[in-house]
């Protein structure tokens, strides 16, 4: 992906917020993202699946206090795609 490439996979508002949150953190729990975006489990799962299929998000299941928790992080390709998309957006608005 070039340095400033507009990315339609990332551009959808919820997916853009997911990528922005993951770019700022090493990993984020599914429940935290769900609450932050104020979406249903199924809506968030669909967005995560789209990003995962593109190779942008890594999904990891971990047991904690006897419960299975889902943690998400950006892959190297995901971070590069996100940064390229942000660069493209900045170019569009003239920054």
Protein backbone atom coordinates (compact mmCIF):
# COMPACT_ATOMS: atom_id res chain seq x y z
CA UNK A 1 0.00 0.00 0.00
CA UNK A 2 1.34 3.42 -0.87
CA UNK A 3 2.00 6.02 1.79
CA UNK A 4 -1.24 7.93 1.30
CA UNK A 5 -3.80 5.52 -0.06
CA UNK A 6 -7.51 5.98 0.63
CA UNK A 7 -8.74 2.67 2.04
CA UNK A 8 -12.43 1.83 1.62
CA UNK A 9 -12.16 -1.11 4.02
CA UNK A 10 -11.02 1.15 6.85
CA UNK A 11 -13.09 4.21 5.87
CA UNK A 12 -16.48 3.00 7.20
CA UNK A 13 -17.05 5.08 10.37
CA UNK A 14 -17.05 2.23 12.88
CA UNK A 15 -14.06 0.51 11.26
CA UNK A 16 -12.18 3.81 11.23
CA UNK A 17 -12.88 4.22 14.96
CA UNK A 18 -11.81 0.62 15.61
CA UNK A 19 -8.52 1.15 13.77
CA UNK A 20 -7.91 4.50 15.51
CA UNK A 21 -8.47 2.93 18.92
CA UNK A 22 -6.28 -0.07 18.14
CA UNK A 23 -3.53 2.15 16.69
CA UNK A 24 -3.36 4.01 20.00
CA UNK A 25 -3.24 0.83 22.12
CA UNK A 26 -1.31 -2.42 21.96
CA UNK A 27 -4.57 -4.35 22.35
CA UNK A 28 -8.17 -3.65 23.32
CA UNK A 29 -10.83 -5.98 24.67
CA UNK A 30 -13.91 -6.57 22.49
CA UNK A 31 -16.25 -5.36 25.26
CA UNK A 32 -14.35 -2.08 25.58
CA UNK A 33 -14.69 -1.42 21.84
CA UNK A 34 -18.36 -2.38 21.94
CA UNK A 35 -19.01 0.15 24.70
CA UNK A 36 -16.89 2.85 23.07
CA UNK A 37 -18.66 2.52 19.70
CA UNK A 38 -22.08 1.91 21.27
CA UNK A 39 -22.87 -0.96 18.89
CA UNK A 40 -24.26 -4.46 19.27
CA UNK A 41 -22.06 -7.55 19.53
CA UNK A 42 -23.13 -8.64 16.05
CA UNK A 43 -22.39 -5.25 14.45
CA UNK A 44 -18.94 -5.08 16.03
CA UNK A 45 -18.25 -8.71 15.10
CA UNK A 46 -19.03 -7.97 11.44
CA UNK A 47 -16.66 -4.99 11.40
CA UNK A 48 -13.94 -6.99 13.14
CA UNK A 49 -14.39 -9.86 10.67
CA UNK A 50 -14.03 -7.48 7.72
CA UNK A 51 -10.82 -6.04 9.18
CA UNK A 52 -9.54 -9.50 10.11
CA UNK A 53 -10.21 -10.85 6.59
CA UNK A 54 -8.23 -7.91 5.18
CA UNK A 55 -5.33 -8.86 7.45
CA UNK A 56 -5.61 -5.65 9.47
CA UNK A 57 -6.77 -6.96 12.86
CA UNK A 58 -5.49 -9.82 14.99
CA UNK A 59 -8.09 -11.52 17.21
CA UNK A 60 -6.89 -13.37 20.28
CA UNK A 61 -9.02 -15.26 22.78
CA UNK A 62 -7.73 -15.37 26.35
CA UNK A 63 -9.16 -16.88 29.50
CA UNK A 64 -9.45 -14.48 32.42
CA UNK A 65 -11.17 -15.19 35.74
CA UNK A 66 -12.75 -18.29 34.25
CA UNK A 67 -14.21 -16.38 31.29
CA UNK A 68 -13.15 -16.30 27.67
CA UNK A 69 -12.30 -12.76 26.56
CA UNK A 70 -11.55 -11.50 23.07
CA UNK A 71 -8.65 -9.11 22.57
CA UNK A 72 -7.99 -7.19 19.38
CA UNK A 73 -4.87 -5.55 18.00
CA UNK A 74 -3.76 -4.06 14.71
CA UNK A 75 -1.40 -6.12 12.61
CA UNK A 76 1.62 -4.44 11.03
CA UNK A 77 -0.30 -4.34 7.74
CA UNK A 78 -3.31 -2.87 9.58
CA UNK A 79 -1.24 -0.09 11.12
CA UNK A 80 0.33 0.72 7.75
CA UNK A 81 -3.08 0.75 6.05
CA UNK A 82 -4.56 2.95 8.80
CA UNK A 83 -1.66 5.42 8.66
CA UNK A 84 -1.93 5.52 4.85
CA UNK A 85 -5.65 6.16 5.06
CA UNK A 86 -5.17 8.96 7.59
CA UNK A 87 -2.54 10.45 5.30
CA UNK A 88 -4.97 10.30 2.38
CA UNK A 89 -7.69 12.00 4.45
CA UNK A 90 -5.25 14.75 5.45
CA UNK A 91 -4.32 15.23 1.78
CA UNK A 92 -8.01 15.53 0.88
CA UNK A 93 -8.59 18.26 3.45
CA UNK A 94 -5.36 20.01 2.54
CA UNK A 95 -3.18 19.38 5.58
